[in-house]
Amino acid sequence: MRILLIEDDTVLGGAVRDQIAGDGHSVDWVTRLDAAADAMAGAAHDLILLDLMLPDGRGIGFLKALRARGSVTPVIILTALDQVSDRIEGLNAGADDYLVKPFDLAELSARIGSVARRYSGNPNPIITHGGLEIDLAARSIRRDGRPVQLTAREWALFEAFLARPGQLLSKPQLEEKLYSFDVEVESNTIEVHVSRLRKKLGTGVIETERGLGYRLGAP
C-alpha cells in the first residue's frame, strides 16, 4: 500500500515511517495539513495516518473535509488526545480507527493490516490462491506448504493484486505503490518485479494484458 503519514513530531514520525516501510508499504510523510493536501493532489493513497494537532490546524477538520468530498480512503487517527469524547469525535468525523499515543509500533502495523483487509474485502487474514497460502497479517506466503520470501517491493506489488482480484492494473497504477521506497522507480521496474513474483509464486500468478497492464491470475 501507499500510505500518507501526517505527523509533525519528527521522532515519532520517523519511527512510524520506518515501521510501515519495513512492513512493505511505501510512505509519504508530511508534517502539515497543507502539505498533506498537496500530497493527495499528486498521488493516490491507500490509507492515511492522521495526527490531530498539527502546526497549521486540527486533523479533525481535515478529515471532515475529506469525507465531505466523498473520499473513502481509510483513515487511522494517531493522537495524544485520549478522552472518550475525543475518540467519539474522531470516529464520528469518519475515522476508521483511533490509536492513542504512545502506542506500540507492532500494534500500529496490526491496525493498518486490519483496516486494509476490511477495505479489500478480505477480513480473514489468511487467504488461499491456488497453491498459495497468504497470511495478510503476518505478511507471509507459503507455496505448496513451503515458505516464500518476498522483498518489500515485491510484497507491495502482490498486495495490490490481492486487493483487486481480477481487476486490470496499469503500469502507472502499480508504480504508484512503489514510490517513496529508497530505490528509484525506473522504466522497467514493474516488469522486473512481476518477473520475480512469477518465479517465486508461479508463472500464472500474474497475467499480462499487453499494452494495458497486469491482473491477478486465476487460482
Protein backbone atom coordinates (compact mmCIF):
# COMPACT_ATOMS: atom_id res chain seq x y z
CA MET A 1 0.00 0.00 0.00
CA ARG A 2 0.95 3.63 -0.41
CA ILE A 3 0.35 5.37 2.91
CA LEU A 4 0.19 9.08 3.70
CA LEU A 5 1.57 9.86 7.17
CA ILE A 6 0.58 13.27 8.58
CA GLU A 7 2.63 13.75 11.77
CA ASP A 8 4.65 16.77 12.94
CA ASP A 9 6.63 15.00 15.69
CA THR A 10 9.88 14.17 13.89
CA VAL A 11 10.94 11.41 16.29
CA LEU A 12 7.59 9.61 16.22
CA GLY A 13 7.12 10.28 12.52
CA GLY A 14 10.48 8.75 11.70
CA ALA A 15 9.74 5.68 13.81
CA VAL A 16 6.31 5.20 12.22
CA ARG A 17 7.73 5.72 8.73
CA ASP A 18 10.45 3.13 9.30
CA GLN A 19 7.98 0.66 10.81
CA ILE A 20 5.47 0.71 7.97
CA ALA A 21 8.18 0.84 5.32
CA GLY A 22 9.64 -2.26 6.95
CA ASP A 23 6.21 -3.86 6.62
CA GLY A 24 6.45 -3.42 2.86
CA HIS A 25 4.42 -0.24 2.39
CA SER A 26 5.55 2.92 0.64
CA VAL A 27 5.23 6.04 2.78
CA ASP A 28 4.76 9.74 2.04
CA TRP A 29 5.43 11.68 5.27
CA VAL A 30 4.32 15.30 5.72
CA THR A 31 4.20 17.47 8.84
CA ARG A 32 1.46 19.95 7.90
CA LEU A 33 -2.11 19.80 6.61
CA ASP A 34 -1.37 22.00 3.60
CA ALA A 35 1.44 19.63 2.61
CA ALA A 36 -0.95 16.70 3.07
CA ALA A 37 -3.42 18.31 0.67
CA ASP A 38 -0.63 18.77 -1.89
CA ALA A 39 0.48 15.15 -1.46
CA MET A 40 -3.06 13.86 -2.00
CA ALA A 41 -3.46 16.02 -5.10
CA GLY A 42 -0.35 14.47 -6.59
CA ALA A 43 -0.84 10.79 -5.76
CA ALA A 44 -3.43 8.17 -4.84
CA HIS A 45 -3.05 6.84 -1.31
CA ASP A 46 -4.49 3.62 0.06
CA LEU A 47 -4.55 4.75 3.70
CA ILE A 48 -3.93 7.89 5.77
CA LEU A 49 -2.36 8.08 9.25
CA LEU A 50 -3.55 11.37 10.73
CA ASP A 51 -2.35 13.30 13.77
CA LEU A 52 -5.00 15.63 15.21
CA MET A 53 -2.83 18.51 16.47
CA LEU A 54 -0.75 19.97 13.65
CA PRO A 55 1.06 23.32 13.19
CA ASP A 56 -1.49 24.66 10.71
CA GLY A 57 -4.71 23.26 12.14
CA ARG A 58 -6.63 20.33 13.58
CA GLY A 59 -6.77 16.99 11.85
CA ILE A 60 -10.48 16.65 12.58
CA GLY A 61 -11.29 19.48 10.19
CA PHE A 62 -9.08 17.90 7.53
CA LEU A 63 -10.85 14.57 7.99
CA LYS A 64 -14.33 16.11 7.83
CA ALA A 65 -13.43 17.95 4.62
CA LEU A 66 -12.04 14.73 3.17
CA ARG A 67 -15.28 12.86 3.84
CA ALA A 68 -17.39 15.80 2.64
CA ARG A 69 -15.66 15.49 -0.75
CA GLY A 70 -16.74 11.87 -0.91
CA SER A 71 -13.34 10.32 -0.25
CA VAL A 72 -13.50 6.80 1.17
CA THR A 73 -9.74 6.47 1.74
CA PRO A 74 -9.35 4.74 5.12
CA VAL A 75 -8.01 6.93 7.93
CA ILE A 76 -6.40 5.93 11.22
CA ILE A 77 -6.06 8.73 13.76
CA LEU A 78 -2.81 8.85 15.77
CA THR A 79 -3.09 11.28 18.68
CA ALA A 80 -2.28 12.05 22.29
CA LEU A 81 -5.93 13.07 22.86
CA ASP A 82 -7.18 10.17 24.94
CA GLN A 83 -10.59 11.26 26.24
CA VAL A 84 -13.63 9.22 25.25
CA SER A 85 -15.15 12.38 23.78
CA ASP A 86 -12.08 12.79 21.54
CA ARG A 87 -12.42 9.23 20.28
CA ILE A 88 -16.13 9.69 19.59
CA GLU A 89 -15.45 12.92 17.70
CA GLY A 90 -12.77 11.26 15.58
CA LEU A 91 -14.85 8.22 14.71
CA ASN A 92 -17.94 10.33 14.01
CA ALA A 93 -15.86 12.51 11.68
CA GLY A 94 -15.15 9.45 9.56
CA ALA A 95 -12.04 7.79 11.01
CA ASP A 96 -11.76 4.03 10.64
CA ASP A 97 -9.63 3.56 13.75
CA TYR A 98 -8.18 5.62 16.61
CA LEU A 99 -4.82 4.95 18.25
CA VAL A 100 -3.66 6.88 21.31
CA LYS A 101 -0.02 7.91 21.75
CA PRO A 102 2.22 6.46 22.95
CA PHE A 103 1.46 3.24 21.12
CA ASP A 104 3.37 0.09 20.24
CA LEU A 105 4.59 0.11 16.64
CA ALA A 106 3.64 -3.54 16.22
CA GLU A 107 0.08 -2.66 17.21
CA LEU A 108 0.06 0.09 14.59
CA SER A 109 1.10 -2.47 11.96
CA ALA A 110 -1.73 -4.74 13.07
CA ARG A 111 -4.27 -1.90 12.94
CA ILE A 112 -3.13 -0.94 9.43
CA GLY A 113 -3.48 -4.54 8.29
CA SER A 114 -6.93 -4.86 9.82
CA VAL A 115 -8.26 -1.70 8.17
CA ALA A 116 -6.70 -2.62 4.84
CA ARG A 117 -8.29 -6.08 4.90
CA ARG A 118 -11.73 -4.62 5.58
CA TYR A 119 -11.45 -2.32 2.59
CA SER A 120 -10.09 -5.02 0.28
CA GLY A 121 -12.91 -7.41 1.14
CA ASN A 122 -10.60 -9.91 2.88
CA PRO A 123 -11.47 -9.63 6.59
CA ASN A 124 -9.87 -13.04 7.15
CA PRO A 125 -6.09 -12.53 7.42
CA ILE A 126 -5.38 -15.91 5.78
CA ILE A 127 -6.46 -16.44 2.19
CA THR A 128 -5.60 -19.07 -0.40
CA HIS A 129 -4.96 -18.62 -4.09
CA GLY A 130 -4.27 -21.85 -5.90
CA GLY A 131 -1.27 -23.43 -4.20
CA LEU A 132 -0.53 -20.24 -2.26
CA GLU A 133 -1.46 -19.68 1.38
CA ILE A 134 -1.18 -15.97 2.16
CA ASP A 135 -1.18 -14.60 5.70
CA LEU A 136 -2.05 -10.92 5.26
CA ALA A 137 -1.47 -10.11 8.92
CA ALA A 138 1.98 -11.71 9.13
CA ARG A 139 2.76 -10.72 5.52
CA SER A 140 3.96 -14.20 4.75
CA ILE A 141 3.35 -16.67 1.92
CA ARG A 142 3.64 -20.43 1.61
CA ARG A 143 3.66 -22.10 -1.81
CA ASP A 144 2.64 -25.75 -1.69
CA GLY A 145 3.47 -25.71 2.01
CA ARG A 146 6.90 -24.13 1.62
CA PRO A 147 7.66 -20.57 2.78
CA VAL A 148 8.38 -17.97 0.11
CA GLN A 149 10.34 -14.83 0.90
CA LEU A 150 9.30 -11.61 -0.83
CA THR A 151 11.12 -8.30 -0.72
CA ALA A 152 9.22 -5.23 0.49
CA ARG A 153 8.70 -4.07 -3.10
CA GLU A 154 7.55 -7.49 -4.29
CA TRP A 155 5.05 -7.69 -1.43
CA ALA A 156 3.76 -4.17 -2.18
CA LEU A 157 3.03 -5.18 -5.77
CA PHE A 158 1.50 -8.55 -4.91
CA GLU A 159 -0.67 -6.93 -2.25
CA ALA A 160 -2.01 -4.54 -4.90
CA PHE A 161 -3.16 -7.51 -6.98
CA LEU A 162 -4.67 -9.29 -3.97
CA ALA A 163 -6.68 -6.19 -3.07
CA ARG A 164 -8.24 -6.09 -6.56
CA PRO A 165 -8.67 -9.69 -7.74
CA GLY A 166 -9.49 -9.90 -11.43
CA GLN A 167 -9.03 -6.16 -11.96
CA LEU A 168 -6.59 -4.95 -14.60
CA LEU A 169 -3.93 -2.68 -13.10
CA SER A 170 -1.96 -0.37 -15.36
CA LYS A 171 1.78 0.11 -15.10
CA PRO A 172 1.38 3.67 -13.68
CA GLN A 173 -1.06 2.34 -11.04
CA LEU A 174 1.48 -0.25 -9.96
CA GLU A 175 4.34 2.25 -9.98
CA GLU A 176 2.32 4.35 -7.51
CA LYS A 177 2.69 1.51 -4.99
CA LEU A 178 6.48 1.73 -5.12
CA TYR A 179 7.16 5.45 -4.86
CA SER A 180 8.90 6.61 -1.65
CA PHE A 181 10.88 3.40 -1.34
CA ASP A 182 14.58 4.26 -1.25
CA VAL A 183 15.32 2.92 -4.74
CA GLU A 184 14.16 4.98 -7.71
CA VAL A 185 11.30 3.59 -9.80
CA GLU A 186 12.85 3.02 -13.23
CA SER A 187 11.07 2.42 -16.52
CA ASN A 188 11.36 -1.38 -16.31
CA THR A 189 10.83 -1.73 -12.55
CA ILE A 190 7.33 -3.24 -12.83
CA GLU A 191 8.38 -5.77 -15.46
CA VAL A 192 11.37 -6.84 -13.34
CA HIS A 193 9.31 -7.32 -10.18
CA VAL A 194 6.45 -9.09 -11.96
CA SER A 195 9.03 -11.50 -13.40
CA ARG A 196 10.44 -12.15 -9.93
CA LEU A 197 6.97 -12.73 -8.48
CA ARG A 198 6.23 -15.28 -11.21
CA LYS A 199 9.46 -17.13 -10.44
CA LYS A 200 8.69 -17.24 -6.73
CA LEU A 201 4.91 -17.79 -6.79
CA GLY A 202 4.22 -19.48 -10.13
CA THR A 203 4.14 -18.38 -13.74
CA GLY A 204 0.36 -17.97 -13.82
CA VAL A 205 0.04 -15.89 -10.65
CA ILE A 206 0.09 -12.63 -12.63
CA GLU A 207 -1.35 -12.30 -16.13
CA THR A 208 -0.26 -9.72 -18.69
CA GLU A 209 -2.63 -7.79 -20.94
CA ARG A 210 -0.13 -6.50 -23.48
CA GLY A 211 -0.13 -2.74 -23.66
CA LEU A 212 -2.76 -2.44 -20.92
CA GLY A 213 -1.39 -3.83 -17.68
CA TYR A 214 -1.47 -6.80 -15.34
CA ARG A 215 -4.01 -8.71 -13.26
CA LEU A 216 -4.04 -11.47 -10.68
CA GLY A 217 -4.26 -14.82 -12.45
CA ALA A 218 -7.00 -17.38 -11.82
CA PRO A 219 -6.38 -19.68 -8.81
